[in-house]
Protein backbone atom coordinates (compact mmCIF):
# COMPACT_ATOMS: atom_id res chain seq x y z
CA MET A 1 0.00 0.00 0.00
CA ASN A 2 1.19 3.50 -0.81
CA ARG A 3 2.82 5.07 2.29
CA LYS A 4 0.99 8.32 1.81
CA LEU A 5 -2.34 6.49 1.51
CA LEU A 6 -1.62 4.42 4.64
CA SER A 7 -0.70 7.57 6.57
CA PHE A 8 -3.90 9.24 5.41
CA LEU A 9 -6.06 6.27 6.48
CA ILE A 10 -4.45 6.10 9.95
CA SER A 11 -4.83 9.84 10.41
CA SER A 12 -8.47 9.66 9.34
CA ALA A 13 -9.20 6.77 11.72
CA LEU A 14 -7.63 8.63 14.62
CA SER A 15 -9.63 11.73 13.76
CA VAL A 16 -12.89 9.75 13.67
CA SER A 17 -11.98 8.08 16.98
CA ALA A 18 -11.18 11.42 18.60
CA PHE A 19 -14.39 12.89 17.21
CA THR A 20 -16.46 9.98 18.54
CA THR A 21 -14.80 10.10 21.97
CA GLY A 22 -15.27 13.84 22.06
CA ASN A 23 -18.94 13.47 21.22
CA VAL A 24 -19.43 10.90 23.99
CA LEU A 25 -17.69 13.07 26.56
CA ALA A 26 -19.63 16.10 25.38
CA PHE A 27 -22.88 14.13 25.68
CA GLU A 28 -22.11 13.09 29.26
CA GLN A 29 -21.17 16.64 30.19
CA ASN A 30 -24.32 17.93 28.54
CA THR A 31 -26.37 15.51 30.63
CA THR A 32 -24.70 16.66 33.85
CA ASP A 33 -25.06 20.32 32.87
CA ALA A 34 -28.72 19.91 31.89
CA ILE A 35 -29.55 18.29 35.22
CA ALA A 36 -27.61 20.95 37.14
CA LYS A 37 -29.46 23.71 35.28
CA ASP A 38 -32.82 22.07 35.94
CA TYR A 39 -31.93 21.78 39.61
CA GLN A 40 -31.27 25.50 39.93
CA GLN A 41 -34.32 26.56 37.97
CA HIS A 42 -36.94 24.01 38.99
CA LEU A 43 -35.92 21.19 41.30
CA ALA A 44 -34.45 23.27 44.15
CA PRO A 45 -37.69 25.20 44.79
CA LEU A 46 -39.68 22.01 44.30
CA TRP A 47 -37.65 20.21 46.99
CA ASP A 48 -38.16 23.22 49.27
CA HIS A 49 -41.91 22.92 48.77
CA PHE A 50 -41.97 19.19 49.48
CA HIS A 51 -39.75 19.57 52.55
CA ARG A 52 -41.94 22.28 54.06
CA ASN A 53 -45.15 20.31 53.40
CA PRO A 54 -44.76 16.68 54.45
CA GLU A 55 -47.75 14.38 54.90
CA LEU A 56 -48.20 11.16 56.86
CA SER A 57 -48.54 7.71 55.33
CA LEU A 58 -51.89 7.12 53.62
CA MET A 59 -52.62 10.86 53.82
CA GLU A 60 -50.32 12.13 51.03
CA THR A 61 -53.13 13.83 49.10
CA LYS A 62 -51.47 17.23 48.51
CA THR A 63 -48.09 15.66 47.81
CA ALA A 64 -49.61 13.28 45.26
CA LYS A 65 -51.55 16.11 43.63
CA ARG A 66 -48.43 18.27 43.24
CA LEU A 67 -46.39 15.33 41.95
CA ALA A 68 -49.13 14.51 39.43
CA GLN A 69 -49.18 18.12 38.26
CA GLU A 70 -45.41 18.15 37.77
CA LEU A 71 -45.48 14.97 35.68
CA SER A 72 -48.55 15.93 33.65
CA ALA A 73 -46.93 19.25 32.78
CA VAL A 74 -44.14 17.51 30.85
CA GLY A 75 -46.34 15.11 28.92
CA TYR A 76 -46.93 12.07 31.13
CA GLU A 77 -50.33 10.42 31.30
CA VAL A 78 -51.02 10.40 35.04
CA THR A 79 -53.48 8.26 37.01
CA GLN A 80 -54.12 9.21 40.63
CA GLY A 81 -55.66 7.24 43.49
CA VAL A 82 -53.85 3.96 42.79
CA GLY A 83 -53.71 1.91 45.98
CA GLY A 84 -55.01 4.91 47.95
CA THR A 85 -53.00 8.03 47.24
CA GLY A 86 -50.51 6.47 44.81
CA ILE A 87 -49.93 7.82 41.31
CA VAL A 88 -48.76 6.18 38.09
CA ALA A 89 -47.34 8.30 35.26
CA MET A 90 -46.79 6.79 31.81
CA LEU A 91 -44.77 8.09 28.87
CA LYS A 92 -44.77 6.01 25.69
CA ASN A 93 -41.98 6.56 23.22
CA GLY A 94 -42.07 3.87 20.56
CA ALA A 95 -41.13 0.22 20.72
CA GLY A 96 -38.95 -1.06 23.53
CA PRO A 97 -39.00 -2.22 27.14
CA MET A 98 -41.29 -0.91 29.84
CA VAL A 99 -39.23 0.39 32.76
CA MET A 100 -40.53 1.43 36.16
CA VAL A 101 -39.01 4.03 38.48
CA ARG A 102 -40.48 4.37 41.96
CA ALA A 103 -40.29 7.11 44.59
CA ASP A 104 -42.02 7.06 47.98
CA MET A 105 -43.90 10.16 49.13
CA ASP A 106 -44.70 9.96 52.86
CA GLY A 107 -43.25 11.76 55.85
CA LEU A 108 -43.02 10.72 59.51
CA PRO A 109 -44.76 11.78 62.76
CA VAL A 110 -41.65 13.65 63.97
CA VAL A 111 -41.28 17.30 65.05
CA GLU A 112 -38.44 18.68 62.94
CA GLN A 113 -35.43 20.05 64.86
CA SER A 114 -32.95 20.12 61.98
CA GLY A 115 -32.26 23.85 62.19
CA LEU A 116 -32.89 24.21 58.45
CA ALA A 117 -34.41 27.46 57.24
CA ASN A 118 -37.21 25.51 55.57
CA ALA A 119 -37.85 23.15 58.49
CA SER A 120 -41.36 21.73 58.54
CA THR A 121 -43.85 23.24 60.96
CA VAL A 122 -46.69 21.03 59.73
CA LYS A 123 -49.02 19.35 62.19
CA MET A 124 -51.55 16.67 61.23
CA LYS A 125 -53.93 14.33 62.96
CA ASP A 126 -52.41 10.88 62.84
CA TRP A 127 -54.08 7.48 62.44
CA ASN A 128 -55.24 7.65 66.09
CA ASN A 129 -56.69 11.15 65.59
CA GLU A 130 -53.88 12.69 67.66
CA LEU A 131 -52.25 15.95 66.52
CA VAL A 132 -48.56 15.35 65.72
CA GLY A 133 -45.71 17.17 64.05
CA VAL A 134 -44.77 15.87 60.60
CA MET A 135 -41.33 15.84 58.98
CA HIS A 136 -39.54 14.37 55.98
CA ALA A 137 -37.19 12.58 58.37
CA CYS A 138 -36.16 9.90 55.88
CA GLY A 139 -35.51 11.89 52.71
CA HIS A 140 -38.59 11.01 50.70
CA ASP A 141 -38.74 14.65 49.61
CA VAL A 142 -35.42 14.00 47.83
CA HIS A 143 -36.88 10.90 46.17
CA ILE A 144 -39.96 12.56 44.68
CA THR A 145 -38.01 15.66 43.62
CA SER A 146 -35.52 13.41 41.84
CA LEU A 147 -38.38 11.53 40.20
CA VAL A 148 -39.58 14.81 38.74
CA GLY A 149 -36.05 15.63 37.58
CA THR A 150 -35.79 12.24 35.88
CA ALA A 151 -39.20 12.68 34.29
CA ARG A 152 -38.29 16.09 32.92
CA TYR A 153 -34.98 14.95 31.45
CA MET A 154 -36.47 11.87 29.80
CA ALA A 155 -39.37 13.89 28.33
CA GLU A 156 -36.98 16.46 26.90
CA ASN A 157 -34.65 13.83 25.39
CA LYS A 158 -36.98 11.35 23.73
CA ASP A 159 -34.58 11.03 20.81
CA LYS A 160 -32.14 9.15 23.08
CA TRP A 161 -34.41 6.28 24.15
CA SER A 162 -37.27 4.06 23.09
CA GLY A 163 -39.90 2.20 25.07
CA THR A 164 -42.39 3.02 27.82
CA LEU A 165 -41.46 4.78 31.05
CA MET A 166 -43.58 4.13 34.13
CA LEU A 167 -43.08 6.47 37.08
CA ILE A 168 -44.64 5.59 40.43
CA GLY A 169 -45.31 7.91 43.36
CA GLN A 170 -45.82 5.43 46.17
CA PRO A 171 -47.67 6.15 49.41
CA ALA A 172 -47.11 4.71 52.88
CA GLU A 173 -43.63 3.22 52.69
CA GLU A 174 -43.06 4.22 56.31
CA LYS A 175 -46.26 2.73 57.70
CA GLY A 176 -46.04 -0.29 55.48
CA PRO A 177 -48.96 -1.02 53.16
CA GLY A 178 -48.11 1.37 50.30
CA ALA A 179 -46.49 -0.90 47.71
CA SER A 180 -48.69 -3.89 48.56
CA ALA A 181 -51.79 -1.67 48.30
CA MET A 182 -50.80 -0.56 44.80
CA MET A 183 -50.20 -4.17 43.78
CA ALA A 184 -53.57 -5.15 45.29
CA ASP A 185 -55.10 -2.42 43.10
CA ASN A 186 -54.02 -4.47 40.06
CA LEU A 187 -51.06 -2.27 39.19
CA TRP A 188 -49.53 -4.51 36.53
CA GLN A 189 -52.89 -5.59 35.11
CA ARG A 190 -53.94 -1.96 34.65
CA PHE A 191 -50.71 -0.43 33.39
CA GLY A 192 -48.54 -3.32 32.21
CA GLN A 193 -45.79 -5.31 33.92
CA PRO A 194 -42.36 -3.64 33.67
CA ASP A 195 -39.36 -5.39 32.17
CA TYR A 196 -37.05 -3.59 34.61
CA ALA A 197 -37.49 -1.55 37.79
CA PHE A 198 -35.31 1.04 39.54
CA ALA A 199 -35.47 3.05 42.75
CA PHE A 200 -33.07 4.73 45.12
CA HIS A 201 -32.91 5.89 48.71
CA VAL A 202 -30.95 8.88 49.93
CA SER A 203 -28.54 7.95 52.74
CA ALA A 204 -27.46 10.21 55.59
CA ASN A 205 -24.71 7.67 56.28
CA SER A 206 -22.92 8.25 52.96
CA GLU A 207 -21.07 11.14 51.37
CA ALA A 208 -23.34 13.54 49.51
CA GLY A 209 -23.66 12.82 45.81
CA LYS A 210 -21.95 9.43 45.87
CA VAL A 211 -23.81 6.39 44.53
CA ILE A 212 -23.86 2.94 46.14
CA VAL A 213 -24.99 -0.12 44.16
CA ASP A 214 -25.31 -3.39 46.08
CA GLU A 215 -25.18 -6.55 43.96
CA GLY A 216 -27.08 -8.50 46.61
CA SER A 217 -29.79 -7.53 49.08
CA PRO A 218 -29.66 -3.85 50.09
CA TYR A 219 -32.67 -4.18 52.40
CA ALA A 220 -33.85 -6.99 54.63
CA GLY A 221 -37.25 -8.55 54.88
CA ALA A 222 -39.18 -7.55 58.00
CA ASP A 223 -41.86 -9.28 60.03
CA THR A 224 -43.80 -7.98 63.01
CA VAL A 225 -44.58 -10.61 65.65
CA ASP A 226 -46.82 -10.29 68.73
CA ILE A 227 -46.57 -12.81 71.56
CA THR A 228 -49.25 -12.95 74.25
CA VAL A 229 -47.86 -14.77 77.29
CA HIS A 230 -50.58 -16.10 79.57
CA GLY A 231 -50.10 -16.58 83.31
CA ILE A 232 -52.13 -17.26 86.41
CA GLY A 233 -52.67 -14.17 88.51
CA ALA A 234 -51.86 -14.09 92.21
CA HIS A 235 -50.79 -11.81 95.07
CA GLY A 236 -47.22 -10.61 94.78
CA ALA A 237 -46.56 -12.01 98.27
CA SER A 238 -47.76 -15.49 97.27
CA PRO A 239 -46.11 -16.27 93.90
CA HIS A 240 -46.47 -20.00 94.53
CA GLN A 241 -50.21 -19.65 94.04
CA GLY A 242 -49.88 -18.37 90.46
CA LYS A 243 -47.80 -18.52 87.30
CA ASP A 244 -45.94 -15.29 86.66
CA PRO A 245 -46.17 -14.25 82.96
CA ILE A 246 -43.44 -11.64 83.50
CA VAL A 247 -40.94 -14.32 84.49
CA ILE A 248 -42.06 -16.55 81.61
CA GLY A 249 -41.89 -13.59 79.23
CA ALA A 250 -38.39 -12.67 80.42
CA GLN A 251 -37.24 -16.23 79.84
CA ILE A 252 -38.76 -16.14 76.34
CA VAL A 253 -36.85 -12.92 75.58
CA ASN A 254 -33.54 -14.51 76.58
CA ASN A 255 -34.28 -17.82 74.88
CA LEU A 256 -35.14 -16.08 71.61
CA GLN A 257 -31.56 -14.84 71.33
CA THR A 258 -30.32 -18.41 71.08
CA ILE A 259 -32.07 -18.71 67.73
CA ILE A 260 -29.54 -16.34 66.19
CA SER A 261 -26.53 -17.49 68.20
CA ARG A 262 -27.13 -21.26 68.18
CA GLU A 263 -29.63 -22.21 65.48
CA LEU A 264 -28.92 -19.91 62.54
CA ALA A 265 -25.88 -20.86 60.45
CA PRO A 266 -22.99 -18.46 61.20
CA ARG A 267 -22.78 -17.24 57.59
CA TYR A 268 -26.52 -16.49 57.44
CA ALA A 269 -27.96 -13.24 58.72
CA GLY A 270 -30.97 -12.56 60.92
CA VAL A 271 -32.20 -10.27 63.67
CA ILE A 272 -34.77 -10.84 66.41
CA THR A 273 -35.43 -7.75 68.52
CA VAL A 274 -38.00 -7.53 71.30
CA GLY A 275 -39.00 -3.90 71.09
CA ALA A 276 -41.73 -3.85 73.73
CA PHE A 277 -42.66 -5.82 76.87
CA HIS A 278 -45.92 -4.85 78.57
CA ALA A 279 -47.30 -6.48 81.72
CA GLY A 280 -48.78 -5.78 85.11
CA THR A 281 -50.64 -2.92 86.77
CA LYS A 282 -49.33 -2.67 90.36
CA HIS A 283 -46.32 -3.47 92.54
CA ASN A 284 -47.88 -6.35 94.46
CA ILE A 285 -50.00 -8.04 91.81
CA ILE A 286 -48.84 -10.93 89.67
CA SER A 287 -50.71 -10.31 86.44
CA ASP A 288 -52.25 -12.97 84.28
CA GLU A 289 -50.83 -11.73 80.97
CA ALA A 290 -47.74 -10.20 79.35
CA LYS A 291 -47.34 -8.96 75.79
CA LEU A 292 -44.14 -8.95 73.72
CA GLN A 293 -43.69 -7.08 70.45
CA LEU A 294 -40.94 -8.24 68.09
CA THR A 295 -39.35 -7.19 64.82
CA VAL A 296 -37.74 -10.00 62.85
CA ARG A 297 -35.33 -9.34 59.96
CA SER A 298 -34.00 -11.75 57.34
CA LEU A 299 -32.41 -11.75 53.90
CA THR A 300 -33.85 -14.95 52.42
CA PRO A 301 -37.23 -16.72 52.51
CA GLU A 302 -35.57 -19.81 54.03
CA VAL A 303 -34.08 -17.87 56.97
CA ARG A 304 -37.37 -16.02 57.47
CA GLU A 305 -39.27 -19.30 57.81
CA GLN A 306 -36.61 -20.69 60.17
CA LEU A 307 -36.78 -17.66 62.47
CA LEU A 308 -40.57 -17.46 62.63
CA SER A 309 -40.92 -21.18 63.26
CA ALA A 310 -38.27 -21.10 66.02
CA ILE A 311 -39.92 -18.11 67.73
CA LYS A 312 -43.21 -19.97 68.05
CA ARG A 313 -41.51 -23.17 69.24
CA ILE A 314 -39.46 -21.37 71.89
CA ALA A 315 -42.36 -19.27 73.19
CA ILE A 316 -44.59 -22.33 73.63
CA GLY A 317 -41.78 -24.54 74.93
CA THR A 318 -40.72 -21.99 77.55
CA ALA A 319 -44.29 -21.76 78.86
CA ARG A 320 -44.60 -25.53 79.01
CA THR A 321 -41.36 -25.73 80.97
CA ALA A 322 -42.84 -23.24 83.45
CA GLY A 323 -45.80 -25.58 83.97
CA MET A 324 -48.46 -23.70 82.03
CA PRO A 325 -51.44 -25.87 81.00
CA GLU A 326 -52.05 -26.53 77.32
CA ASP A 327 -55.02 -24.16 77.18
CA LYS A 328 -52.88 -21.25 78.42
CA LEU A 329 -49.85 -21.52 76.14
CA PRO A 330 -48.57 -18.32 74.43
CA GLU A 331 -50.26 -17.01 71.31
CA VAL A 332 -47.76 -16.09 68.58
CA VAL A 333 -49.19 -13.89 65.81
CA VAL A 334 -47.20 -12.86 62.73
CA SER A 335 -48.61 -9.66 61.20
CA GLU A 336 -49.87 -9.76 57.63
CA PHE A 337 -47.83 -6.61 56.99
CA ALA A 338 -44.56 -8.39 56.26
CA PHE A 339 -41.94 -6.91 53.96
CA PRO A 340 -40.05 -9.27 51.63
CA PRO A 341 -36.28 -8.72 51.27
CA THR A 342 -35.28 -6.32 48.52
CA PHE A 343 -33.12 -8.31 46.10
CA ASN A 344 -31.11 -6.59 43.41
CA ASP A 345 -30.75 -8.54 40.19
CA GLN A 346 -27.02 -9.28 40.21
CA LYS A 347 -26.55 -9.10 36.45
CA LEU A 348 -28.45 -5.81 36.22
CA ALA A 349 -26.62 -4.38 39.25
CA LYS A 350 -23.23 -5.17 37.72
CA ARG A 351 -24.37 -3.64 34.46
CA LEU A 352 -25.50 -0.49 36.25
CA LYS A 353 -22.21 -0.18 38.13
CA GLY A 354 -20.36 -0.36 34.83
CA VAL A 355 -22.60 2.27 33.26
CA LEU A 356 -22.31 4.67 36.19
CA THR A 357 -18.53 4.22 36.36
CA GLU A 358 -18.30 5.05 32.66
CA LYS A 359 -20.74 7.95 32.69
CA MET A 360 -20.14 9.53 36.11
CA GLY A 361 -16.59 8.41 36.86
CA ALA A 362 -15.19 5.74 39.17
CA ASP A 363 -14.98 8.19 42.05
CA ALA A 364 -18.76 8.71 41.90
CA LEU A 365 -19.38 5.23 43.33
CA LEU A 366 -18.87 3.92 46.85
CA GLU A 367 -18.70 0.28 47.89
CA PRO A 368 -21.71 -0.98 49.90
CA ALA A 369 -21.06 -0.84 53.64
CA GLU A 370 -24.46 -1.69 55.12
CA THR A 371 -24.23 -2.97 58.69
CA GLY A 372 -27.88 -2.85 59.72
CA MET A 373 -31.04 -4.62 58.58
CA GLY A 374 -33.32 -1.82 57.52
CA ALA A 375 -36.37 -2.88 55.53
CA GLU A 376 -38.16 -1.54 52.46
CA ASP A 377 -41.43 -2.43 50.76
CA PHE A 378 -40.01 -2.07 47.21
CA GLY A 379 -39.79 -5.87 47.09
CA PHE A 380 -43.58 -6.09 46.75
CA PHE A 381 -43.17 -4.71 43.22
CA THR A 382 -40.37 -7.02 42.12
CA THR A 383 -40.68 -10.38 43.93
CA GLU A 384 -43.88 -12.04 42.65
CA PRO A 385 -43.71 -11.97 39.70
CA TYR A 386 -39.95 -11.49 39.53
CA ILE A 387 -38.82 -8.30 37.82
CA PRO A 388 -35.09 -7.58 37.33
CA SER A 389 -34.48 -4.51 39.47
CA VAL A 390 -31.85 -2.42 41.20
CA TYR A 391 -32.46 -0.41 44.35
CA PHE A 392 -29.42 1.81 44.89
CA LYS A 393 -28.47 4.53 47.34
CA VAL A 394 -27.30 8.11 46.98
CA GLY A 395 -25.33 9.85 49.71
CA GLY A 396 -26.80 12.94 51.35
CA THR A 397 -24.29 14.19 53.97
CA PRO A 398 -21.25 16.37 53.14
CA LYS A 399 -17.85 14.79 53.70
CA ALA A 400 -16.93 17.64 56.07
CA ASP A 401 -19.74 16.61 58.44
CA PHE A 402 -18.30 13.10 58.77
CA GLU A 403 -14.83 14.54 59.37
CA ARG A 404 -16.14 16.85 62.12
CA ALA A 405 -17.96 13.95 63.78
CA ALA A 406 -14.79 11.82 63.66
CA ASN A 407 -12.88 14.65 65.38
CA GLY A 408 -15.34 14.92 68.27
CA GLY A 409 -17.91 17.20 66.68
CA ALA A 410 -21.64 16.70 66.48
CA PRO A 411 -22.63 13.24 65.21
CA VAL A 412 -24.38 12.92 61.87
CA PRO A 413 -28.11 12.51 62.66
CA SER A 414 -29.68 9.22 61.62
CA HIS A 415 -32.77 8.67 59.54
CA HIS A 416 -36.02 9.18 61.50
CA SER A 417 -34.23 11.56 63.90
CA PRO A 418 -35.72 15.04 64.56
CA GLN A 419 -32.27 16.40 63.58
CA PHE A 420 -32.16 14.48 60.28
CA LYS A 421 -31.17 16.59 57.30
CA ILE A 422 -29.94 16.04 53.79
CA THR A 423 -27.88 18.39 51.63
CA PRO A 424 -30.32 18.41 48.71
CA GLU A 425 -28.31 19.66 45.73
CA PRO A 426 -25.68 16.90 45.38
CA ALA A 427 -28.16 14.21 46.43
CA ILE A 428 -30.89 15.21 43.98
CA LYS A 429 -28.54 15.86 41.07
CA SER A 430 -26.78 12.51 41.51
CA GLY A 431 -30.08 10.74 42.04
CA VAL A 432 -31.43 12.12 38.78
CA GLU A 433 -28.22 11.52 36.85
CA ALA A 434 -27.80 7.93 38.04
CA THR A 435 -31.43 7.12 37.25
CA VAL A 436 -31.23 8.75 33.82
CA HIS A 437 -28.11 6.78 32.91
CA ALA A 438 -29.79 3.57 34.07
CA LEU A 439 -32.84 4.28 31.92
CA LEU A 440 -30.88 5.33 28.85
CA ASP A 441 -28.86 2.13 29.09
CA VAL A 442 -31.77 -0.32 29.25
CA MET A 443 -33.94 1.76 26.86
CA ALA A 444 -31.25 2.57 24.30
CA LYS A 445 -32.45 2.89 20.71
């Protein structure tokens, strides 16, 4: 081949490569810039509105109405009142997969003491008709604001994707029945079953703007268990004439801990916490009943069944050992409001990590470091039937706050604390950007 021709071809190839790389980099920067601009012009005041106006679970009427208005304004077909106060917003854009993105809407019965200029002063009557302060003490205001940001970007960039986008504003994640109520309202039958599903939670325990993608189970399953321990009442000075349910209950509490330490395989995970123990009315009366309230956490259906079965066996066995007759053995009731574990699809999670590393940079991601067993009801959407999904996290606390806490300063407030606060700008922008990149990847033309 002629040397001049070969030189020309190599030079041309390099030029095309440089042009293509430059276009890709420009596209990613344009995405970041567009989201940043939308934050300043629209999302920042929207977050301020949501933060100032929280509503309790099952009562999110104004929040749902505003969210529906925001999504309708950019072209989504919105249905309200799904599963109570839930909303579903659909945007069809040609052939392709249907992808769901969910954000929860509810606040908590907490009086805000964050010190923020826009701290909530809202009071509402709760489910017991008692007047309580209400606060976005878990960051759901960040979630719904980011959902709007995602909706706006995807509506403005329909040339970059194909398929159907389903956005869900979910009620009552905090109280429990939100996701299951939407599923019971025939969510998939009415709107179609998604091919993929995404959601994220802002984390006060992680650096603001950083993204965490767990390839396994980011949230545990949760069960609520009530144990009624029967006794035989007597005078406190004559315990031999009765059967003390407080003593039996105390033994049950201690014996329950052996399930985790001696029955559950060491490499499996589970939690049994007795959160309440109620019994008795007076110093010198042995009551005839005690009540225990438990939360039980697990990461697999098999471990869940093992824990619940062992709790019942130990409660009844402890009472029998104490000499209680068969007609007065403990009653063990597992609440119907159980949360399944939230499982990330490993293949999809790995794919998302690769996409976010490429689009946002390796330093934008943090490794999962979950040490607790918090629960989520997102699994109701993705477990039966199984839908490949990823539930990721976005950090919400500035790095400087962690450094101050490590040097003896004020600790970083936890979720559900009256002092809880999120730095909204990096959290919302990263939440939108990560979600957009996830959607553009699975809905690419």
